[in-house]
């Protein structure tokens, strides 16, 4: 069943409300429409985002027992399973959700990014973020977070590639600029840092952030 506008509205709630506020909203909706599958899926996602993993998983499984191929229900279950550390199984549920409802791709990426943020293991975070990027390849936020996960693994050159990818497209990104400086600092390569900023300025000569960082790195040395 295509729930159309209701499903899109549900995804906006998850994207724009803080976890506690979203959970309150979905609990109220669940009280008003206790049997509505989309509401139960939304509640499960909100519980997962609020860190109530066991309750989220139980809510999603009750829904899927009644409606086994409910896409948002599968997405919610995928999030809870990923948060429990079973990344491969969780990603399989997410993949099935997107297969059943392809327009869930960006929502799936958002959910996986949330799982990565809650995961203290940078290797697992990398897997989650690469999956998020596959569902929403144009979202550079996931690229930045992938770079951060790679830095935590001491894969500094790979992290630099991610940060440069962002800055060549969005040069006025202070957070990414700071991460690029940090990465080159870890490599002990000030000359490489100056060259990196110079190359960005060649493409974006009027950009303020790259110029500031280039000058700070010792422009013209």
N, C-alpha and C. Protein backbone atom coordinates (compact mmCIF):
# COMPACT_ATOMS: atom_id res chain seq x y z
N UNK A 1 0.85 -1.19 0.00
CA UNK A 1 0.00 0.00 0.00
C UNK A 1 0.89 1.24 0.00
N UNK A 2 0.60 2.18 -0.88
CA UNK A 2 1.36 3.42 -0.95
C UNK A 2 0.69 4.44 -0.04
N UNK A 3 1.38 4.79 1.03
CA UNK A 3 0.79 5.72 1.99
C UNK A 3 1.13 7.17 1.66
N UNK A 4 1.84 7.37 0.55
CA UNK A 4 2.05 8.67 -0.06
C UNK A 4 2.39 9.80 0.87
N UNK A 5 1.48 10.79 0.92
CA UNK A 5 1.74 12.00 1.69
C UNK A 5 1.96 11.74 3.16
N UNK A 6 1.28 10.77 3.73
CA UNK A 6 1.46 10.46 5.15
C UNK A 6 2.87 9.95 5.41
N UNK A 7 3.37 9.12 4.51
CA UNK A 7 4.72 8.60 4.68
C UNK A 7 5.75 9.72 4.56
N UNK A 8 5.55 10.62 3.62
CA UNK A 8 6.48 11.74 3.46
C UNK A 8 6.45 12.64 4.70
N UNK A 9 5.26 12.87 5.24
CA UNK A 9 5.14 13.68 6.46
C UNK A 9 5.86 13.00 7.63
N UNK A 10 5.74 11.69 7.71
CA UNK A 10 6.41 10.95 8.78
C UNK A 10 7.92 11.11 8.68
N UNK A 11 8.45 11.05 7.46
CA UNK A 11 9.89 11.19 7.30
C UNK A 11 10.35 12.59 7.68
N UNK A 12 9.52 13.60 7.43
CA UNK A 12 9.89 14.96 7.82
C UNK A 12 9.94 15.10 9.34
N UNK A 13 9.04 14.43 10.03
CA UNK A 13 9.05 14.47 11.50
C UNK A 13 10.38 13.94 12.02
N UNK A 14 10.82 12.80 11.47
CA UNK A 14 12.06 12.21 11.94
C UNK A 14 13.26 13.10 11.62
N UNK A 15 13.20 13.77 10.47
CA UNK A 15 14.36 14.55 10.04
C UNK A 15 14.50 15.86 10.79
N UNK A 16 13.38 16.42 11.27
CA UNK A 16 13.42 17.80 11.76
C UNK A 16 13.16 17.96 13.25
N UNK A 17 12.75 16.91 13.93
CA UNK A 17 12.52 17.02 15.37
C UNK A 17 13.66 16.37 16.14
N UNK A 18 13.98 16.94 17.29
CA UNK A 18 14.93 16.31 18.19
C UNK A 18 14.34 14.98 18.68
N UNK A 19 15.21 13.99 19.02
CA UNK A 19 14.70 12.66 19.39
C UNK A 19 13.63 12.69 20.47
N UNK A 20 13.82 13.44 21.55
CA UNK A 20 12.83 13.45 22.63
C UNK A 20 11.51 14.04 22.16
N UNK A 21 11.60 15.11 21.38
CA UNK A 21 10.39 15.75 20.87
C UNK A 21 9.68 14.84 19.88
N UNK A 22 10.46 14.18 19.02
CA UNK A 22 9.86 13.26 18.06
C UNK A 22 9.18 12.10 18.74
N UNK A 23 9.80 11.58 19.79
CA UNK A 23 9.20 10.46 20.50
C UNK A 23 7.88 10.86 21.13
N UNK A 24 7.83 12.04 21.71
CA UNK A 24 6.57 12.53 22.29
C UNK A 24 5.49 12.63 21.22
N UNK A 25 5.87 13.15 20.06
CA UNK A 25 4.93 13.30 18.96
C UNK A 25 4.38 11.95 18.52
N UNK A 26 5.28 10.96 18.34
CA UNK A 26 4.82 9.65 17.87
C UNK A 26 4.02 8.90 18.93
N UNK A 27 4.32 9.10 20.19
CA UNK A 27 3.51 8.47 21.23
C UNK A 27 2.09 9.02 21.21
N UNK A 28 1.97 10.32 21.03
CA UNK A 28 0.64 10.92 20.96
C UNK A 28 -0.12 10.39 19.75
N UNK A 29 0.56 10.30 18.60
CA UNK A 29 -0.10 9.77 17.40
C UNK A 29 -0.50 8.31 17.60
N UNK A 30 0.35 7.54 18.30
CA UNK A 30 0.05 6.14 18.55
C UNK A 30 -1.18 5.97 19.44
N UNK A 31 -1.36 6.87 20.38
CA UNK A 31 -2.55 6.83 21.23
C UNK A 31 -3.81 7.15 20.44
N UNK A 32 -3.67 8.03 19.45
CA UNK A 32 -4.82 8.43 18.64
C UNK A 32 -5.16 7.38 17.58
N UNK A 33 -4.12 6.69 17.07
CA UNK A 33 -4.34 5.70 16.01
C UNK A 33 -3.51 4.47 16.33
N UNK A 34 -3.89 3.70 17.36
CA UNK A 34 -3.03 2.62 17.85
C UNK A 34 -2.79 1.50 16.86
N UNK A 35 -3.67 1.33 15.88
CA UNK A 35 -3.48 0.23 14.94
C UNK A 35 -2.88 0.63 13.61
N UNK A 36 -2.54 1.89 13.44
CA UNK A 36 -2.04 2.36 12.14
C UNK A 36 -0.60 1.91 11.93
N UNK A 37 -0.32 1.13 10.88
CA UNK A 37 1.04 0.62 10.67
C UNK A 37 2.09 1.72 10.55
N UNK A 38 1.78 2.78 9.80
CA UNK A 38 2.77 3.84 9.63
C UNK A 38 3.09 4.52 10.95
N UNK A 39 2.09 4.68 11.80
CA UNK A 39 2.32 5.30 13.10
C UNK A 39 3.19 4.39 13.97
N UNK A 40 2.93 3.09 13.94
CA UNK A 40 3.74 2.17 14.73
C UNK A 40 5.19 2.13 14.22
N UNK A 41 5.36 2.20 12.91
CA UNK A 41 6.71 2.26 12.35
C UNK A 41 7.40 3.54 12.78
N UNK A 42 6.66 4.65 12.74
CA UNK A 42 7.23 5.93 13.19
C UNK A 42 7.61 5.89 14.65
N UNK A 43 6.78 5.27 15.46
CA UNK A 43 7.07 5.16 16.89
C UNK A 43 8.33 4.32 17.11
N UNK A 44 8.46 3.23 16.36
CA UNK A 44 9.65 2.38 16.50
C UNK A 44 10.91 3.15 16.13
N UNK A 45 10.87 3.91 15.05
CA UNK A 45 12.03 4.71 14.66
C UNK A 45 12.35 5.77 15.72
N UNK A 46 11.31 6.41 16.25
CA UNK A 46 11.53 7.43 17.26
C UNK A 46 12.14 6.84 18.53
N UNK A 47 11.68 5.66 18.90
CA UNK A 47 12.25 4.99 20.08
C UNK A 47 13.73 4.67 19.84
N UNK A 48 14.04 4.20 18.64
CA UNK A 48 15.44 3.89 18.33
C UNK A 48 16.30 5.15 18.35
N UNK A 49 15.78 6.23 17.78
CA UNK A 49 16.54 7.48 17.78
C UNK A 49 16.75 8.02 19.18
N UNK A 50 15.83 7.71 20.08
CA UNK A 50 15.94 8.16 21.47
C UNK A 50 16.78 7.20 22.32
N UNK A 51 17.30 6.15 21.69
CA UNK A 51 18.16 5.21 22.41
C UNK A 51 17.44 4.10 23.13
N UNK A 52 16.14 3.96 22.91
CA UNK A 52 15.36 2.91 23.59
C UNK A 52 15.26 1.71 22.64
N UNK A 53 16.38 1.02 22.49
CA UNK A 53 16.56 0.04 21.43
C UNK A 53 15.64 -1.17 21.60
N UNK A 54 15.57 -1.72 22.81
CA UNK A 54 14.75 -2.91 23.03
C UNK A 54 13.28 -2.62 22.73
N UNK A 55 12.80 -1.51 23.24
CA UNK A 55 11.40 -1.15 23.01
C UNK A 55 11.14 -0.88 21.53
N UNK A 56 12.11 -0.26 20.87
CA UNK A 56 11.98 0.00 19.43
C UNK A 56 11.89 -1.29 18.65
N UNK A 57 12.78 -2.24 18.97
CA UNK A 57 12.76 -3.52 18.27
C UNK A 57 11.47 -4.27 18.48
N UNK A 58 10.96 -4.25 19.71
CA UNK A 58 9.71 -4.94 20.01
C UNK A 58 8.56 -4.31 19.23
N UNK A 59 8.52 -2.97 19.18
CA UNK A 59 7.45 -2.28 18.45
C UNK A 59 7.51 -2.61 16.97
N UNK A 60 8.71 -2.62 16.40
CA UNK A 60 8.85 -2.93 14.97
C UNK A 60 8.45 -4.37 14.68
N UNK A 61 8.82 -5.29 15.55
CA UNK A 61 8.50 -6.70 15.29
C UNK A 61 7.00 -6.98 15.43
N UNK A 62 6.34 -6.32 16.37
CA UNK A 62 4.89 -6.48 16.49
C UNK A 62 4.22 -6.02 15.20
N UNK A 63 4.67 -4.88 14.68
CA UNK A 63 4.12 -4.39 13.41
C UNK A 63 4.37 -5.37 12.28
N UNK A 64 5.60 -5.88 12.17
CA UNK A 64 5.94 -6.75 11.05
C UNK A 64 5.31 -8.13 11.17
N UNK A 65 4.96 -8.54 12.37
CA UNK A 65 4.19 -9.77 12.52
C UNK A 65 2.82 -9.64 11.88
N UNK A 66 2.26 -8.41 11.96
CA UNK A 66 0.94 -8.16 11.36
C UNK A 66 1.05 -7.81 9.88
N UNK A 67 2.09 -7.06 9.54
CA UNK A 67 2.26 -6.57 8.16
C UNK A 67 3.71 -6.83 7.77
N UNK A 68 4.03 -8.05 7.32
CA UNK A 68 5.43 -8.46 7.16
C UNK A 68 6.26 -7.61 6.19
N UNK A 69 5.64 -7.03 5.20
CA UNK A 69 6.41 -6.28 4.21
C UNK A 69 6.13 -4.78 4.28
N UNK A 70 5.95 -4.29 5.50
CA UNK A 70 5.73 -2.85 5.64
C UNK A 70 7.09 -2.15 5.56
N UNK A 71 7.30 -1.31 4.53
CA UNK A 71 8.65 -0.75 4.32
C UNK A 71 9.18 0.05 5.51
N UNK A 72 8.35 0.95 6.06
CA UNK A 72 8.83 1.74 7.20
C UNK A 72 9.08 0.87 8.42
N UNK A 73 8.29 -0.20 8.56
CA UNK A 73 8.53 -1.14 9.65
C UNK A 73 9.87 -1.84 9.50
N UNK A 74 10.19 -2.24 8.27
CA UNK A 74 11.48 -2.87 8.01
C UNK A 74 12.63 -1.89 8.24
N UNK A 75 12.41 -0.64 7.86
CA UNK A 75 13.43 0.38 8.10
C UNK A 75 13.68 0.55 9.60
N UNK A 76 12.59 0.61 10.36
CA UNK A 76 12.72 0.75 11.81
C UNK A 76 13.43 -0.46 12.42
N UNK A 77 13.06 -1.65 11.97
CA UNK A 77 13.73 -2.85 12.48
C UNK A 77 15.21 -2.83 12.11
N UNK A 78 15.50 -2.41 10.87
CA UNK A 78 16.89 -2.33 10.46
C UNK A 78 17.70 -1.40 11.34
N UNK A 79 17.10 -0.28 11.73
CA UNK A 79 17.82 0.65 12.61
C UNK A 79 18.08 0.02 13.96
N UNK A 80 17.08 -0.63 14.53
CA UNK A 80 17.27 -1.21 15.86
C UNK A 80 18.32 -2.33 15.82
N UNK A 81 18.32 -3.11 14.75
CA UNK A 81 19.29 -4.20 14.65
C UNK A 81 20.70 -3.64 14.48
N UNK A 82 20.84 -2.61 13.65
CA UNK A 82 22.14 -1.96 13.49
C UNK A 82 22.63 -1.40 14.82
N UNK A 83 21.75 -0.76 15.57
CA UNK A 83 22.13 -0.18 16.85
C UNK A 83 22.49 -1.26 17.87
N UNK A 84 21.99 -2.45 17.65
CA UNK A 84 22.33 -3.56 18.55
C UNK A 84 23.68 -4.18 18.19
N UNK A 85 24.28 -3.71 17.09
CA UNK A 85 25.60 -4.19 16.69
C UNK A 85 25.58 -5.24 15.60
N UNK A 86 24.39 -5.66 15.18
CA UNK A 86 24.30 -6.66 14.10
C UNK A 86 24.16 -5.92 12.76
N UNK A 87 25.28 -5.37 12.31
CA UNK A 87 25.25 -4.44 11.18
C UNK A 87 24.76 -5.12 9.90
N UNK A 88 25.27 -6.29 9.58
CA UNK A 88 24.91 -6.95 8.32
C UNK A 88 23.41 -7.25 8.28
N UNK A 89 22.87 -7.77 9.38
CA UNK A 89 21.44 -8.08 9.42
C UNK A 89 20.61 -6.80 9.33
N UNK A 90 21.06 -5.77 10.05
CA UNK A 90 20.33 -4.51 10.00
C UNK A 90 20.30 -3.91 8.61
N UNK A 91 21.44 -3.95 7.93
CA UNK A 91 21.50 -3.42 6.56
C UNK A 91 20.62 -4.21 5.61
N UNK A 92 20.49 -5.50 5.87
CA UNK A 92 19.61 -6.32 5.02
C UNK A 92 18.16 -5.87 5.15
N UNK A 93 17.72 -5.57 6.37
CA UNK A 93 16.35 -5.07 6.57
C UNK A 93 16.16 -3.71 5.88
N UNK A 94 17.16 -2.85 6.00
CA UNK A 94 17.08 -1.53 5.36
C UNK A 94 17.00 -1.69 3.85
N UNK A 95 17.83 -2.57 3.31
CA UNK A 95 17.83 -2.80 1.86
C UNK A 95 16.47 -3.29 1.38
N UNK A 96 15.85 -4.17 2.14
CA UNK A 96 14.53 -4.68 1.76
C UNK A 96 13.48 -3.57 1.82
N UNK A 97 13.60 -2.69 2.82
CA UNK A 97 12.67 -1.56 2.92
C UNK A 97 12.76 -0.68 1.68
N UNK A 98 13.97 -0.40 1.24
CA UNK A 98 14.16 0.48 0.08
C UNK A 98 13.74 -0.24 -1.20
N UNK A 99 13.94 -1.56 -1.25
CA UNK A 99 13.49 -2.31 -2.42
C UNK A 99 11.97 -2.22 -2.56
N UNK A 100 11.28 -2.33 -1.44
CA UNK A 100 9.82 -2.28 -1.47
C UNK A 100 9.30 -0.86 -1.72
N UNK A 101 10.04 0.13 -1.25
CA UNK A 101 9.62 1.52 -1.43
C UNK A 101 10.87 2.35 -1.75
N UNK A 102 11.24 2.46 -3.02
CA UNK A 102 12.50 3.11 -3.40
C UNK A 102 12.64 4.55 -2.90
N UNK A 103 11.53 5.25 -2.74
CA UNK A 103 11.62 6.64 -2.27
C UNK A 103 12.08 6.74 -0.82
N UNK A 104 12.26 5.61 -0.16
CA UNK A 104 12.79 5.61 1.21
C UNK A 104 14.32 5.75 1.24
N UNK A 105 14.96 5.86 0.07
CA UNK A 105 16.42 5.88 0.03
C UNK A 105 17.04 6.94 0.92
N UNK A 106 16.56 8.18 0.81
CA UNK A 106 17.14 9.26 1.64
C UNK A 106 16.84 9.04 3.11
N UNK A 107 15.65 8.54 3.42
CA UNK A 107 15.32 8.24 4.82
C UNK A 107 16.22 7.13 5.35
N UNK A 108 16.51 6.14 4.51
CA UNK A 108 17.41 5.07 4.92
C UNK A 108 18.79 5.62 5.22
N UNK A 109 19.26 6.53 4.38
CA UNK A 109 20.57 7.14 4.61
C UNK A 109 20.58 7.91 5.93
N UNK A 110 19.52 8.64 6.19
CA UNK A 110 19.41 9.41 7.43
C UNK A 110 19.44 8.48 8.64
N UNK A 111 18.72 7.38 8.56
CA UNK A 111 18.68 6.41 9.65
C UNK A 111 20.06 5.80 9.88
N UNK A 112 20.75 5.43 8.80
CA UNK A 112 22.06 4.80 8.93
C UNK A 112 23.10 5.78 9.46
N UNK A 113 22.97 7.04 9.06
CA UNK A 113 23.85 8.07 9.62
C UNK A 113 23.63 8.18 11.13
N UNK A 114 22.37 8.12 11.55
CA UNK A 114 22.07 8.16 12.98
C UNK A 114 22.67 6.98 13.71
N UNK A 115 22.64 5.81 13.08
CA UNK A 115 23.25 4.63 13.70
C UNK A 115 24.76 4.82 13.83
N UNK A 116 25.37 5.39 12.80
CA UNK A 116 26.82 5.61 12.83
C UNK A 116 27.19 6.58 13.95
N UNK A 117 26.39 7.61 14.14
CA UNK A 117 26.68 8.59 15.18
C UNK A 117 26.61 7.96 16.57
N UNK A 118 25.76 6.96 16.74
CA UNK A 118 25.62 6.30 18.03
C UNK A 118 26.60 5.15 18.23
N UNK A 119 27.37 4.85 17.19
CA UNK A 119 28.27 3.69 17.24
C UNK A 119 29.69 4.16 17.56
N UNK A 120 30.26 3.66 18.64
CA UNK A 120 31.59 4.07 19.07
C UNK A 120 32.70 3.32 18.34
N UNK A 121 32.35 2.32 17.56
CA UNK A 121 33.34 1.55 16.80
C UNK A 121 33.50 2.20 15.42
N UNK A 122 34.65 2.82 15.12
CA UNK A 122 34.79 3.54 13.85
C UNK A 122 34.73 2.63 12.63
N UNK A 123 35.07 1.35 12.78
CA UNK A 123 34.99 0.43 11.65
C UNK A 123 33.53 0.14 11.31
N UNK A 124 32.71 -0.08 12.34
CA UNK A 124 31.28 -0.27 12.09
C UNK A 124 30.65 1.01 11.57
N UNK A 125 31.06 2.15 12.12
CA UNK A 125 30.55 3.43 11.64
C UNK A 125 30.86 3.61 10.16
N UNK A 126 32.05 3.20 9.76
CA UNK A 126 32.41 3.30 8.33
C UNK A 126 31.44 2.50 7.46
N UNK A 127 31.14 1.28 7.86
CA UNK A 127 30.22 0.44 7.09
C UNK A 127 28.86 1.12 6.97
N UNK A 128 28.37 1.65 8.07
CA UNK A 128 27.07 2.32 8.07
C UNK A 128 27.07 3.57 7.19
N UNK A 129 28.14 4.33 7.27
CA UNK A 129 28.21 5.57 6.49
C UNK A 129 28.37 5.29 5.00
N UNK A 130 29.11 4.27 4.64
CA UNK A 130 29.22 3.92 3.22
C UNK A 130 27.87 3.47 2.67
N UNK A 131 27.11 2.77 3.49
CA UNK A 131 25.76 2.39 3.08
C UNK A 131 24.88 3.62 2.94
N UNK A 132 24.99 4.56 3.88
CA UNK A 132 24.21 5.79 3.79
C UNK A 132 24.55 6.54 2.50
N UNK A 133 25.84 6.61 2.16
CA UNK A 133 26.26 7.31 0.95
C UNK A 133 25.73 6.63 -0.31
N UNK A 134 25.58 5.32 -0.25
CA UNK A 134 25.03 4.61 -1.41
C UNK A 134 23.57 4.97 -1.63
N UNK A 135 22.84 5.21 -0.55
CA UNK A 135 21.42 5.57 -0.67
C UNK A 135 21.23 7.05 -0.98
N UNK A 136 22.17 7.88 -0.57
CA UNK A 136 22.05 9.33 -0.78
C UNK A 136 23.43 9.88 -1.16
N UNK A 137 23.89 9.58 -2.39
CA UNK A 137 25.27 9.88 -2.75
C UNK A 137 25.61 11.36 -2.83
N UNK A 138 24.62 12.21 -2.93
CA UNK A 138 24.90 13.64 -3.03
C UNK A 138 25.03 14.35 -1.69
N UNK A 139 24.82 13.64 -0.60
CA UNK A 139 24.83 14.27 0.72
C UNK A 139 26.26 14.27 1.28
N UNK A 140 26.89 15.44 1.26
CA UNK A 140 28.28 15.54 1.67
C UNK A 140 28.47 15.44 3.18
N UNK A 141 27.39 15.58 3.95
CA UNK A 141 27.51 15.39 5.39
C UNK A 141 28.00 13.99 5.70
N UNK A 142 27.49 12.99 4.96
CA UNK A 142 27.90 11.62 5.20
C UNK A 142 29.36 11.42 4.79
N UNK A 143 29.80 12.14 3.76
CA UNK A 143 31.20 12.08 3.34
C UNK A 143 32.10 12.60 4.46
N UNK A 144 31.71 13.71 5.06
CA UNK A 144 32.51 14.26 6.16
C UNK A 144 32.59 13.29 7.33
N UNK A 145 31.47 12.68 7.66
CA UNK A 145 31.46 11.76 8.80
C UNK A 145 32.24 10.49 8.48
N UNK A 146 32.23 10.09 7.21
CA UNK A 146 33.08 8.96 6.82
C UNK A 146 34.54 9.33 7.03
N UNK A 147 34.92 10.54 6.62
CA UNK A 147 36.29 10.99 6.84
C UNK A 147 36.66 10.95 8.31
N UNK A 148 35.75 11.38 9.18
CA UNK A 148 36.02 11.35 10.62
C UNK A 148 36.21 9.91 11.11
N UNK A 149 35.38 8.99 10.62
CA UNK A 149 35.53 7.59 11.01
C UNK A 149 36.87 7.03 10.54
N UNK A 150 37.30 7.41 9.34
CA UNK A 150 38.59 6.95 8.84
C UNK A 150 39.74 7.53 9.66
N UNK A 151 39.61 8.79 10.08
CA UNK A 151 40.63 9.39 10.94
C UNK A 151 40.78 8.59 12.24
N UNK A 152 39.66 8.18 12.82
CA UNK A 152 39.70 7.43 14.07
C UNK A 152 40.35 6.06 13.88
N UNK A 153 40.37 5.57 12.63
CA UNK A 153 41.04 4.31 12.33
C UNK A 153 42.51 4.52 11.93
N UNK A 154 42.96 5.77 11.98
CA UNK A 154 44.32 6.13 11.54
C UNK A 154 44.53 5.90 10.04
N UNK A 155 43.44 5.91 9.28
CA UNK A 155 43.54 5.83 7.82
C UNK A 155 43.48 7.26 7.28
N UNK A 156 44.57 7.97 7.54
CA UNK A 156 44.55 9.42 7.39
C UNK A 156 44.47 9.83 5.92
N UNK A 157 45.22 9.17 5.06
CA UNK A 157 45.19 9.55 3.64
C UNK A 157 43.79 9.36 3.05
N UNK A 158 43.12 8.29 3.44
CA UNK A 158 41.76 8.07 2.95
C UNK A 158 40.82 9.15 3.49
N UNK A 159 41.04 9.54 4.73
CA UNK A 159 40.22 10.62 5.30
C UNK A 159 40.43 11.91 4.53
N UNK A 160 41.68 12.21 4.20
CA UNK A 160 41.98 13.43 3.44
C UNK A 160 41.22 13.45 2.11
N UNK A 161 41.13 12.31 1.46
CA UNK A 161 40.39 12.23 0.20
C UNK A 161 38.93 12.66 0.38
N UNK A 162 38.33 12.24 1.50
CA UNK A 162 36.93 12.62 1.76
C UNK A 162 36.81 14.12 2.00
N UNK A 163 37.71 14.67 2.80
CA UNK A 163 37.64 16.10 3.12
C UNK A 163 37.89 16.96 1.88
N UNK A 164 38.83 16.54 1.03
CA UNK A 164 39.08 17.29 -0.20
C UNK A 164 37.89 17.22 -1.14
N UNK A 165 37.24 16.07 -1.18
CA UNK A 165 36.04 15.94 -2.03
C UNK A 165 35.00 16.98 -1.63
N UNK A 166 34.83 17.17 -0.34
CA UNK A 166 33.84 18.14 0.14
C UNK A 166 34.27 19.56 -0.18
N UNK A 167 35.52 19.89 0.16
CA UNK A 167 35.98 21.27 0.03
C UNK A 167 36.11 21.72 -1.42
N UNK A 168 36.29 20.80 -2.32
CA UNK A 168 36.32 21.17 -3.74
C UNK A 168 34.93 21.51 -4.26
N UNK A 169 33.92 21.06 -3.52
CA UNK A 169 32.53 21.37 -3.90
C UNK A 169 31.95 22.47 -3.03
N UNK A 170 32.21 22.39 -1.73
CA UNK A 170 31.68 23.36 -0.77
C UNK A 170 32.87 23.92 0.01
N UNK A 171 33.57 24.91 -0.54
CA UNK A 171 34.80 25.38 0.10
C UNK A 171 34.58 26.09 1.43
N UNK A 172 33.39 26.64 1.65
CA UNK A 172 33.13 27.40 2.88
C UNK A 172 32.56 26.49 3.96
N UNK A 173 33.31 25.43 4.28
CA UNK A 173 32.89 24.48 5.31
C UNK A 173 33.92 24.50 6.43
N UNK A 174 33.70 25.30 7.48
CA UNK A 174 34.70 25.41 8.54
C UNK A 174 35.04 24.08 9.21
N UNK A 175 34.02 23.25 9.44
CA UNK A 175 34.26 21.96 10.09
C UNK A 175 35.17 21.09 9.24
N UNK A 176 34.89 21.00 7.94
CA UNK A 176 35.71 20.17 7.07
C UNK A 176 37.11 20.75 6.94
N UNK A 177 37.21 22.07 6.91
CA UNK A 177 38.52 22.72 6.83
C UNK A 177 39.37 22.36 8.06
N UNK A 178 38.76 22.39 9.23
CA UNK A 178 39.49 22.04 10.45
C UNK A 178 39.93 20.57 10.42
N UNK A 179 39.07 19.71 9.90
CA UNK A 179 39.41 18.29 9.82
C UNK A 179 40.56 18.06 8.84
N UNK A 180 40.57 18.81 7.73
CA UNK A 180 41.68 18.67 6.77
C UNK A 180 43.00 19.08 7.43
N UNK A 181 42.99 20.20 8.15
CA UNK A 181 44.19 20.63 8.86
C UNK A 181 44.63 19.56 9.86
N UNK A 182 43.67 19.00 10.59
CA UNK A 182 43.99 17.96 11.58
C UNK A 182 44.64 16.76 10.91
N UNK A 183 44.08 16.35 9.78
CA UNK A 183 44.60 15.16 9.10
C UNK A 183 46.04 15.37 8.62
N UNK A 184 46.29 16.52 8.01
CA UNK A 184 47.66 16.77 7.56
C UNK A 184 48.60 16.92 8.74
N UNK A 185 48.10 17.45 9.86
CA UNK A 185 48.91 17.52 11.07
C UNK A 185 49.30 16.14 11.56
N UNK A 186 48.37 15.19 11.50
CA UNK A 186 48.67 13.82 11.92
C UNK A 186 49.71 13.18 11.00
N UNK A 187 49.70 13.56 9.73
CA UNK A 187 50.69 13.02 8.80
C UNK A 187 52.02 13.75 8.90
N UNK A 188 52.04 14.90 9.60
CA UNK A 188 53.27 15.68 9.66
C UNK A 188 53.69 16.19 8.31
N UNK A 189 52.72 16.71 7.54
CA UNK A 189 52.99 17.12 6.17
C UNK A 189 52.49 18.54 5.91
N UNK A 190 53.17 19.55 6.46
CA UNK A 190 52.72 20.93 6.24
C UNK A 190 52.78 21.36 4.79
N UNK A 191 53.76 20.85 4.04
CA UNK A 191 53.85 21.21 2.62
C UNK A 191 52.63 20.66 1.86
N UNK A 192 52.25 19.44 2.18
CA UNK A 192 51.06 18.86 1.55
C UNK A 192 49.82 19.64 1.87
N UNK A 193 49.72 20.14 3.11
CA UNK A 193 48.56 20.93 3.50
C UNK A 193 48.51 22.22 2.70
N UNK A 194 49.66 22.89 2.54
CA UNK A 194 49.67 24.13 1.75
C UNK A 194 49.27 23.86 0.31
N UNK A 195 49.76 22.76 -0.24
CA UNK A 195 49.40 22.43 -1.63
C UNK A 195 47.90 22.13 -1.75
N UNK A 196 47.36 21.44 -0.75
CA UNK A 196 45.92 21.12 -0.78
C UNK A 196 45.08 22.39 -0.78
N UNK A 197 45.43 23.34 0.12
CA UNK A 197 44.66 24.58 0.16
C UNK A 197 44.86 25.40 -1.11
N UNK A 198 46.06 25.37 -1.66
CA UNK A 198 46.31 26.11 -2.90
C UNK A 198 45.46 25.55 -4.04
N UNK A 199 45.32 24.22 -4.09
CA UNK A 199 44.52 23.61 -5.16
C UNK A 199 43.04 23.97 -5.03
N UNK A 200 42.58 24.06 -3.79
CA UNK A 200 41.18 24.45 -3.57
C UNK A 200 40.97 25.90 -3.98
N UNK A 201 41.94 26.75 -3.66
CA UNK A 201 41.83 28.16 -4.04
C UNK A 201 41.90 28.38 -5.54
N UNK A 202 42.57 27.49 -6.25
CA UNK A 202 42.58 27.60 -7.72
C UNK A 202 41.17 27.47 -8.28
N UNK A 203 40.37 26.62 -7.65
CA UNK A 203 39.00 26.40 -8.10
C UNK A 203 38.05 27.44 -7.52
N UNK A 204 38.33 27.87 -6.30
CA UNK A 204 37.44 28.82 -5.60
C UNK A 204 38.26 30.01 -5.09
N UNK A 205 38.75 30.86 -5.98
CA UNK A 205 39.67 31.93 -5.56
C UNK A 205 39.05 32.96 -4.61
N UNK A 206 37.73 33.08 -4.60
CA UNK A 206 37.09 34.07 -3.74
C UNK A 206 36.64 33.50 -2.40
N UNK A 207 36.86 32.22 -2.18
CA UNK A 207 36.37 31.57 -0.96
C UNK A 207 37.19 32.01 0.25
N UNK A 208 36.51 32.43 1.29
CA UNK A 208 37.18 32.97 2.47
C UNK A 208 37.85 31.89 3.32
N UNK A 209 37.15 30.80 3.60
CA UNK A 209 37.69 29.77 4.49
C UNK A 209 38.98 29.15 3.94
N UNK A 210 39.01 28.72 2.68
CA UNK A 210 40.28 28.18 2.17
C UNK A 210 41.43 29.18 2.22
N UNK A 211 41.14 30.45 1.94
CA UNK A 211 42.22 31.44 1.97
C UNK A 211 42.76 31.62 3.38
N UNK A 212 41.86 31.66 4.35
CA UNK A 212 42.31 31.79 5.73
C UNK A 212 43.19 30.61 6.15
N UNK A 213 42.79 29.42 5.76
CA UNK A 213 43.57 28.23 6.14
C UNK A 213 44.87 28.15 5.35
N UNK A 214 44.85 28.56 4.11
CA UNK A 214 46.08 28.59 3.31
C UNK A 214 47.10 29.55 3.90
N UNK A 215 46.62 30.72 4.31
CA UNK A 215 47.52 31.70 4.92
C UNK A 215 48.05 31.20 6.27
N UNK A 216 47.17 30.55 7.02
CA UNK A 216 47.57 30.02 8.32
C UNK A 216 48.62 28.91 8.17
N UNK A 217 48.51 28.18 7.05
CA UNK A 217 49.45 27.07 6.80
C UNK A 217 50.81 27.59 6.30
N UNK A 218 50.90 28.91 6.06
CA UNK A 218 52.18 29.47 5.62
C UNK A 218 52.23 29.63 4.12
N UNK A 219 51.30 30.38 3.58
CA UNK A 219 51.22 30.59 2.13
C UNK A 219 52.55 31.13 1.61
N UNK A 220 52.98 30.58 0.47
CA UNK A 220 54.15 31.09 -0.22
C UNK A 220 55.47 30.59 0.32
N UNK A 221 55.46 29.70 1.31
CA UNK A 221 56.72 29.17 1.83
C UNK A 221 57.38 28.27 0.80
